[in-house]
Amino acid sequence: SMYASLRVHQLCDYTFRDDMWSLLYVFCDLASGGLPWMSYAATRDRDSCQWLKEAIHGEGDGPDQTEEMLKGEHYHVGVFRRKTAEEAGTPPEQLPSVPEPLEI
């Protein structure tokens, strides 16, 4: 379920589009070092994988965050570290840098 498209999780008919989503997930995993649902896929928790993919792709009440996801793991970890340092009162010149997001 790590690379399965959301439609496959939802038991919809499998199409070429699902192959493209799976390929995109593989590329994102290789380029960024992980996917948001990796831990769920590792434990074969397909329901949680589906829930998180629905949330990221805007299937629920929230906005579509697909573009944000595609920026990569290193970018998001960098943003988190910088924000945490800012909240801790770290002087601006000592704040960790944020890597460039992956090109979309």
C-alpha atoms as a PDB file:
ATOM      1  CA  SER A   1       0.000   0.000   0.000  1.00  0.00           C
ATOM      2  CA  MET A   2       3.064   2.268   0.116  1.00  0.00           C
ATOM      3  CA  TYR A   3       2.822   3.165  -3.574  1.00  0.00           C
ATOM      4  CA  ALA A   4      -0.836   2.331  -4.222  1.00  0.00           C
ATOM      5  CA  SER A   5      -2.972   5.183  -5.518  1.00  0.00           C
ATOM      6  CA  LEU A   6      -5.801   6.520  -3.421  1.00  0.00           C
ATOM      7  CA  ARG A   7      -8.331   5.088  -5.886  1.00  0.00           C
ATOM      8  CA  VAL A   8      -6.878   1.607  -5.363  1.00  0.00           C
ATOM      9  CA  HIS A   9      -7.293   2.024  -1.599  1.00  0.00           C
ATOM     10  CA  GLN A  10     -10.894   3.056  -2.217  1.00  0.00           C
ATOM     11  CA  LEU A  11     -11.435  -0.148  -4.259  1.00  0.00           C
ATOM     12  CA  CYS A  12     -12.207   1.792  -7.451  1.00  0.00           C
ATOM     13  CA  ASP A  13     -11.489   0.333 -10.879  1.00  0.00           C
ATOM     14  CA  TYR A  14      -7.763   0.386 -11.563  1.00  0.00           C
ATOM     15  CA  THR A  15      -6.749   2.636 -14.475  1.00  0.00           C
ATOM     16  CA  PHE A  16      -3.616   4.008 -16.151  1.00  0.00           C
ATOM     17  CA  ARG A  17      -3.957   7.061 -13.914  1.00  0.00           C
ATOM     18  CA  ASP A  18      -3.344   4.840 -10.886  1.00  0.00           C
ATOM     19  CA  ASP A  19      -0.091   3.636 -12.455  1.00  0.00           C
ATOM     20  CA  MET A  20       0.992   7.260 -12.814  1.00  0.00           C
ATOM     21  CA  TRP A  21       0.240   8.018  -9.147  1.00  0.00           C
ATOM     22  CA  SER A  22       2.188   4.920  -8.089  1.00  0.00           C
ATOM     23  CA  LEU A  23       5.151   5.990 -10.195  1.00  0.00           C
ATOM     24  CA  LEU A  24       4.984   9.500  -8.738  1.00  0.00           C
ATOM     25  CA  TYR A  25       5.010   8.047  -5.214  1.00  0.00           C
ATOM     26  CA  VAL A  26       8.088   5.955  -6.082  1.00  0.00           C
ATOM     27  CA  PHE A  27       9.912   9.020  -7.441  1.00  0.00           C
ATOM     28  CA  CYS A  28       8.957  11.104  -4.386  1.00  0.00           C
ATOM     29  CA  ASP A  29      10.182   8.351  -2.082  1.00  0.00           C
ATOM     30  CA  LEU A  30      13.498   8.062  -3.925  1.00  0.00           C
ATOM     31  CA  ALA A  31      14.043  11.812  -4.198  1.00  0.00           C
ATOM     32  CA  SER A  32      13.015  12.828  -0.697  1.00  0.00           C
ATOM     33  CA  GLY A  33      13.824   9.789   1.396  1.00  0.00           C
ATOM     34  CA  GLY A  34      10.292   8.913   2.401  1.00  0.00           C
ATOM     35  CA  LEU A  35       6.561   9.350   2.153  1.00  0.00           C
ATOM     36  CA  PRO A  36       4.244  10.598   4.917  1.00  0.00           C
ATOM     37  CA  TRP A  37       2.555   7.199   5.259  1.00  0.00           C
ATOM     38  CA  MET A  38       5.763   5.100   5.356  1.00  0.00           C
ATOM     39  CA  SER A  39       5.316   3.926   8.938  1.00  0.00           C
ATOM     40  CA  TYR A  40       1.747   2.777   8.246  1.00  0.00           C
ATOM     41  CA  ALA A  41       2.810   0.924   5.102  1.00  0.00           C
ATOM     42  CA  ALA A  42       5.644  -0.779   6.991  1.00  0.00           C
ATOM     43  CA  THR A  43       3.144  -2.241   9.452  1.00  0.00           C
ATOM     44  CA  ARG A  44       0.655  -3.032   6.658  1.00  0.00           C
ATOM     45  CA  ASP A  45      -1.920  -0.657   8.160  1.00  0.00           C
ATOM     46  CA  ARG A  46      -3.795  -0.040   4.907  1.00  0.00           C
ATOM     47  CA  ASP A  47      -6.669   1.860   6.541  1.00  0.00           C
ATOM     48  CA  SER A  48      -4.278   4.447   7.990  1.00  0.00           C
ATOM     49  CA  CYS A  49      -2.443   4.706   4.643  1.00  0.00           C
ATOM     50  CA  GLN A  50      -5.763   5.388   2.937  1.00  0.00           C
ATOM     51  CA  TRP A  51      -6.820   7.917   5.592  1.00  0.00           C
ATOM     52  CA  LEU A  52      -3.544   9.854   5.284  1.00  0.00           C
ATOM     53  CA  LYS A  53      -3.603   9.821   1.478  1.00  0.00           C
ATOM     54  CA  GLU A  54      -7.195  11.101   1.549  1.00  0.00           C
ATOM     55  CA  ALA A  55      -6.170  13.901   3.915  1.00  0.00           C
ATOM     56  CA  ILE A  56      -3.171  14.891   1.780  1.00  0.00           C
ATOM     57  CA  HIS A  57      -5.142  14.819  -1.472  1.00  0.00           C
ATOM     58  CA  GLY A  58      -7.971  16.927  -0.014  1.00  0.00           C
ATOM     59  CA  GLU A  59     -10.594  14.177   0.036  1.00  0.00           C
ATOM     60  CA  GLY A  60     -11.788  15.196   3.512  1.00  0.00           C
ATOM     61  CA  ASP A  61     -12.572  18.587   4.982  1.00  0.00           C
ATOM     62  CA  GLY A  62      -9.048  19.950   4.552  1.00  0.00           C
ATOM     63  CA  PRO A  63      -7.300  21.515   1.573  1.00  0.00           C
ATOM     64  CA  ASP A  64      -5.411  19.544  -1.052  1.00  0.00           C
ATOM     65  CA  GLN A  65      -1.797  19.309   0.175  1.00  0.00           C
ATOM     66  CA  THR A  66      -0.404  17.251  -2.705  1.00  0.00           C
ATOM     67  CA  GLU A  67       1.890  20.037  -3.902  1.00  0.00           C
ATOM     68  CA  GLU A  68       3.258  20.500  -0.371  1.00  0.00           C
ATOM     69  CA  MET A  69       3.940  16.762  -0.100  1.00  0.00           C
ATOM     70  CA  LEU A  70       5.876  16.843  -3.358  1.00  0.00           C
ATOM     71  CA  LYS A  71       8.360  19.390  -1.977  1.00  0.00           C
ATOM     72  CA  GLY A  72      10.149  16.539  -0.222  1.00  0.00           C
ATOM     73  CA  GLU A  73      10.963  15.217   3.199  1.00  0.00           C
ATOM     74  CA  HIS A  74      14.219  17.182   3.617  1.00  0.00           C
ATOM     75  CA  TYR A  75      12.437  20.472   2.957  1.00  0.00           C
ATOM     76  CA  HIS A  76       9.717  19.780   5.523  1.00  0.00           C
ATOM     77  CA  VAL A  77      12.192  18.601   8.166  1.00  0.00           C
ATOM     78  CA  GLY A  78      14.207  21.798   7.581  1.00  0.00           C
ATOM     79  CA  VAL A  79      11.100  23.977   7.942  1.00  0.00           C
ATOM     80  CA  PHE A  80      10.183  22.169  11.169  1.00  0.00           C
ATOM     81  CA  ARG A  81      13.694  22.587  12.632  1.00  0.00           C
ATOM     82  CA  ARG A  82      13.808  26.282  11.757  1.00  0.00           C
ATOM     83  CA  LYS A  83      10.344  26.924  13.222  1.00  0.00           C
ATOM     84  CA  THR A  84      11.260  25.043  16.422  1.00  0.00           C
ATOM     85  CA  ALA A  85      14.483  27.066  16.765  1.00  0.00           C
ATOM     86  CA  GLU A  86      12.609  30.343  16.202  1.00  0.00           C
ATOM     87  CA  GLU A  87      10.064  29.432  18.883  1.00  0.00           C
ATOM     88  CA  ALA A  88      12.926  28.617  21.281  1.00  0.00           C
ATOM     89  CA  GLY A  89      14.313  32.144  20.791  1.00  0.00           C
ATOM     90  CA  THR A  90      17.372  31.256  18.730  1.00  0.00           C
ATOM     91  CA  PRO A  91      19.010  34.399  17.313  1.00  0.00           C
ATOM     92  CA  PRO A  92      18.339  34.852  13.561  1.00  0.00           C
ATOM     93  CA  GLU A  93      21.996  34.359  12.565  1.00  0.00           C
ATOM     94  CA  GLN A  94      22.038  30.942  14.293  1.00  0.00           C
ATOM     95  CA  LEU A  95      18.824  29.570  12.777  1.00  0.00           C
ATOM     96  CA  PRO A  96      19.223  26.392  10.719  1.00  0.00           C
ATOM     97  CA  SER A  97      18.869  26.829   6.982  1.00  0.00           C
ATOM     98  CA  VAL A  98      15.964  25.345   5.077  1.00  0.00           C
ATOM     99  CA  PRO A  99      16.855  23.240   2.015  1.00  0.00           C
ATOM    100  CA  GLU A 100      15.297  24.159  -1.299  1.00  0.00           C
ATOM    101  CA  PRO A 101      12.092  22.235  -2.015  1.00  0.00           C
ATOM    102  CA  LEU A 102      12.134  19.664  -4.760  1.00  0.00           C
ATOM    103  CA  GLU A 103      11.232  21.200  -8.108  1.00  0.00           C
ATOM    104  CA  ILE A 104       7.665  20.471  -9.099  1.00  0.00           C
END
